[in-house]
Amino acid sequence: EKLNHSLAAKSIKIYCYDWDTNNYLMEFLSIREMSRKIGRSTVYIKTKLDKNVPVICIINNIEYKFNIKSIKL
């Protein structure tokens, strides 16, 4: 069971691009880290990742509209 847990915990980097300009804005080391920073569930992030749908969130009182990718463009 411990082995399975450590395999499941493999981090996927999340690359965040501006929805309108596609400019690179920031990245997160894992889905869990992004979830904590933007106040959204890991399931929410997973359903948006690599799907070309906007992720709207607020980080440090700034609203972002991200296109999130698992591969750096």
N, C-alpha and C. Protein backbone atom coordinates (compact mmCIF):
# COMPACT_ATOMS: atom_id res chain seq x y z
N GLU A 1 0.84 -1.20 0.00
CA GLU A 1 0.00 0.00 0.00
C GLU A 1 0.87 1.25 0.00
N LYS A 2 1.96 1.21 0.75
CA LYS A 2 2.85 2.37 0.80
C LYS A 2 3.46 2.65 -0.57
N LEU A 3 3.82 1.62 -1.30
CA LEU A 3 4.38 1.78 -2.64
C LEU A 3 3.37 2.47 -3.56
N ASN A 4 2.13 2.00 -3.54
CA ASN A 4 1.09 2.60 -4.38
C ASN A 4 0.89 4.08 -4.05
N HIS A 5 0.92 4.40 -2.76
CA HIS A 5 0.74 5.78 -2.35
C HIS A 5 1.87 6.65 -2.90
N SER A 6 3.10 6.17 -2.80
CA SER A 6 4.23 6.98 -3.28
C SER A 6 4.19 7.14 -4.80
N LEU A 7 3.70 6.15 -5.52
CA LEU A 7 3.55 6.28 -6.97
C LEU A 7 2.48 7.31 -7.31
N ALA A 8 1.39 7.29 -6.56
CA ALA A 8 0.29 8.23 -6.80
C ALA A 8 0.71 9.66 -6.46
N ALA A 9 1.68 9.81 -5.58
CA ALA A 9 2.09 11.14 -5.13
C ALA A 9 3.06 11.83 -6.11
N LYS A 10 3.36 11.17 -7.22
CA LYS A 10 4.27 11.78 -8.20
C LYS A 10 3.72 13.13 -8.65
N SER A 11 4.55 14.14 -8.53
CA SER A 11 4.10 15.50 -8.83
C SER A 11 4.07 15.77 -10.33
N ILE A 12 3.03 16.47 -10.74
CA ILE A 12 2.91 16.95 -12.12
C ILE A 12 3.03 18.46 -12.04
N LYS A 13 4.02 19.03 -12.71
CA LYS A 13 4.13 20.49 -12.74
C LYS A 13 2.97 21.07 -13.53
N ILE A 14 2.48 22.22 -13.06
CA ILE A 14 1.41 22.92 -13.75
C ILE A 14 1.96 24.24 -14.27
N TYR A 15 1.86 24.45 -15.57
CA TYR A 15 2.31 25.69 -16.20
C TYR A 15 1.08 26.54 -16.50
N CYS A 16 1.11 27.79 -16.05
CA CYS A 16 -0.04 28.68 -16.19
C CYS A 16 0.25 29.75 -17.23
N TYR A 17 -0.66 29.84 -18.18
CA TYR A 17 -0.56 30.83 -19.26
C TYR A 17 -1.76 31.74 -19.21
N ASP A 18 -1.56 33.01 -19.58
CA ASP A 18 -2.65 33.95 -19.65
C ASP A 18 -3.65 33.48 -20.71
N TRP A 19 -4.92 33.46 -20.35
CA TRP A 19 -5.96 32.95 -21.26
C TRP A 19 -6.02 33.75 -22.56
N ASP A 20 -5.90 35.08 -22.46
CA ASP A 20 -6.08 35.94 -23.64
C ASP A 20 -4.83 36.03 -24.52
N THR A 21 -3.65 36.07 -23.91
CA THR A 21 -2.42 36.30 -24.68
C THR A 21 -1.56 35.05 -24.85
N ASN A 22 -1.85 34.01 -24.05
CA ASN A 22 -1.06 32.78 -24.01
C ASN A 22 0.36 33.01 -23.49
N ASN A 23 0.62 34.16 -22.86
CA ASN A 23 1.92 34.42 -22.24
C ASN A 23 2.08 33.57 -20.99
N TYR A 24 3.28 33.03 -20.79
CA TYR A 24 3.60 32.27 -19.58
C TYR A 24 3.55 33.21 -18.38
N LEU A 25 2.85 32.78 -17.31
CA LEU A 25 2.74 33.62 -16.12
C LEU A 25 3.45 33.03 -14.91
N MET A 26 3.22 31.75 -14.64
CA MET A 26 3.81 31.12 -13.45
C MET A 26 3.66 29.62 -13.56
N GLU A 27 4.27 28.93 -12.61
CA GLU A 27 4.11 27.48 -12.56
C GLU A 27 4.00 27.04 -11.12
N PHE A 28 3.42 25.88 -10.94
CA PHE A 28 3.30 25.26 -9.63
C PHE A 28 3.96 23.89 -9.70
N LEU A 29 4.57 23.48 -8.61
CA LEU A 29 5.31 22.21 -8.58
C LEU A 29 4.39 20.99 -8.61
N SER A 30 3.13 21.19 -8.22
CA SER A 30 2.20 20.06 -8.19
C SER A 30 0.76 20.56 -8.23
N ILE A 31 -0.15 19.65 -8.51
CA ILE A 31 -1.57 19.97 -8.48
C ILE A 31 -1.96 20.38 -7.07
N ARG A 32 -1.44 19.67 -6.07
CA ARG A 32 -1.76 19.97 -4.67
C ARG A 32 -1.31 21.38 -4.30
N GLU A 33 -0.09 21.77 -4.73
CA GLU A 33 0.39 23.10 -4.42
C GLU A 33 -0.51 24.17 -5.06
N MET A 34 -0.88 23.96 -6.33
CA MET A 34 -1.76 24.92 -7.00
C MET A 34 -3.10 24.99 -6.28
N SER A 35 -3.63 23.85 -5.89
CA SER A 35 -4.90 23.79 -5.19
C SER A 35 -4.87 24.66 -3.93
N ARG A 36 -3.82 24.54 -3.16
CA ARG A 36 -3.69 25.34 -1.93
C ARG A 36 -3.57 26.83 -2.23
N LYS A 37 -2.81 27.17 -3.26
CA LYS A 37 -2.56 28.59 -3.57
C LYS A 37 -3.79 29.29 -4.14
N ILE A 38 -4.59 28.59 -4.92
CA ILE A 38 -5.73 29.26 -5.57
C ILE A 38 -7.07 28.95 -4.88
N GLY A 39 -7.05 28.08 -3.89
CA GLY A 39 -8.28 27.79 -3.15
C GLY A 39 -9.30 26.99 -3.94
N ARG A 40 -8.83 26.15 -4.82
CA ARG A 40 -9.70 25.25 -5.60
C ARG A 40 -9.28 23.81 -5.32
N SER A 41 -10.19 22.88 -5.53
CA SER A 41 -9.89 21.48 -5.26
C SER A 41 -8.93 20.90 -6.30
N THR A 42 -8.25 19.83 -5.91
CA THR A 42 -7.36 19.15 -6.85
C THR A 42 -8.18 18.56 -8.00
N VAL A 43 -9.40 18.12 -7.72
CA VAL A 43 -10.28 17.57 -8.76
C VAL A 43 -10.61 18.65 -9.78
N TYR A 44 -10.92 19.87 -9.31
CA TYR A 44 -11.20 20.99 -10.21
C TYR A 44 -10.03 21.22 -11.15
N ILE A 45 -8.82 21.24 -10.60
CA ILE A 45 -7.63 21.49 -11.42
C ILE A 45 -7.42 20.36 -12.42
N LYS A 46 -7.55 19.14 -11.97
CA LYS A 46 -7.37 17.99 -12.87
C LYS A 46 -8.35 18.01 -14.03
N THR A 47 -9.59 18.47 -13.79
CA THR A 47 -10.59 18.50 -14.86
C THR A 47 -10.30 19.60 -15.87
N LYS A 48 -9.50 20.61 -15.49
CA LYS A 48 -9.19 21.72 -16.39
C LYS A 48 -7.82 21.55 -17.09
N LEU A 49 -6.96 20.73 -16.52
CA LEU A 49 -5.59 20.58 -17.01
C LEU A 49 -5.55 20.04 -18.44
N ASP A 50 -4.86 20.77 -19.32
CA ASP A 50 -4.69 20.38 -20.72
C ASP A 50 -6.01 20.32 -21.51
N LYS A 51 -7.06 20.99 -21.04
CA LYS A 51 -8.36 20.92 -21.71
C LYS A 51 -8.72 22.20 -22.47
N ASN A 52 -7.84 23.22 -22.42
CA ASN A 52 -8.13 24.50 -23.07
C ASN A 52 -9.45 25.12 -22.62
N VAL A 53 -9.65 25.08 -21.31
CA VAL A 53 -10.78 25.77 -20.69
C VAL A 53 -10.21 26.71 -19.63
N PRO A 54 -10.83 27.88 -19.43
CA PRO A 54 -10.25 28.85 -18.50
C PRO A 54 -10.37 28.43 -17.05
N VAL A 55 -9.32 28.74 -16.28
CA VAL A 55 -9.31 28.57 -14.84
C VAL A 55 -9.23 29.98 -14.26
N ILE A 56 -10.30 30.40 -13.60
CA ILE A 56 -10.34 31.75 -13.03
C ILE A 56 -10.08 31.63 -11.53
N CYS A 57 -9.10 32.40 -11.07
CA CYS A 57 -8.74 32.34 -9.66
C CYS A 57 -8.13 33.67 -9.21
N ILE A 58 -8.00 33.82 -7.89
CA ILE A 58 -7.39 35.02 -7.33
C ILE A 58 -6.17 34.59 -6.53
N ILE A 59 -5.03 35.20 -6.84
CA ILE A 59 -3.78 34.94 -6.13
C ILE A 59 -3.25 36.30 -5.69
N ASN A 60 -3.02 36.48 -4.40
CA ASN A 60 -2.54 37.75 -3.86
C ASN A 60 -3.40 38.93 -4.32
N ASN A 61 -4.71 38.76 -4.26
CA ASN A 61 -5.69 39.79 -4.63
C ASN A 61 -5.66 40.18 -6.10
N ILE A 62 -5.06 39.36 -6.94
CA ILE A 62 -5.05 39.61 -8.39
C ILE A 62 -5.85 38.49 -9.05
N GLU A 63 -6.82 38.88 -9.90
CA GLU A 63 -7.60 37.85 -10.59
C GLU A 63 -6.87 37.41 -11.85
N TYR A 64 -6.77 36.11 -12.02
CA TYR A 64 -6.14 35.53 -13.20
C TYR A 64 -7.13 34.67 -13.94
N LYS A 65 -6.96 34.61 -15.24
CA LYS A 65 -7.70 33.68 -16.09
C LYS A 65 -6.64 32.86 -16.81
N PHE A 66 -6.43 31.66 -16.30
CA PHE A 66 -5.35 30.80 -16.76
C PHE A 66 -5.82 29.80 -17.81
N ASN A 67 -4.88 29.40 -18.66
CA ASN A 67 -4.95 28.19 -19.43
C ASN A 67 -3.83 27.34 -18.83
N ILE A 68 -4.19 26.20 -18.22
CA ILE A 68 -3.17 25.43 -17.51
C ILE A 68 -2.76 24.20 -18.31
N LYS A 69 -1.45 23.95 -18.30
CA LYS A 69 -0.85 22.86 -19.08
C LYS A 69 0.09 22.04 -18.22
N SER A 70 0.25 20.78 -18.56
CA SER A 70 1.21 19.92 -17.87
C SER A 70 2.56 19.91 -18.58
N ILE A 71 2.62 20.55 -19.76
CA ILE A 71 3.87 20.63 -20.53
C ILE A 71 4.12 22.10 -20.83
N LYS A 72 5.36 22.52 -20.65
CA LYS A 72 5.70 23.92 -20.93
C LYS A 72 5.66 24.16 -22.43
N LEU A 73 4.97 25.21 -22.83
CA LEU A 73 4.83 25.53 -24.27
C LEU A 73 6.05 26.28 -24.79
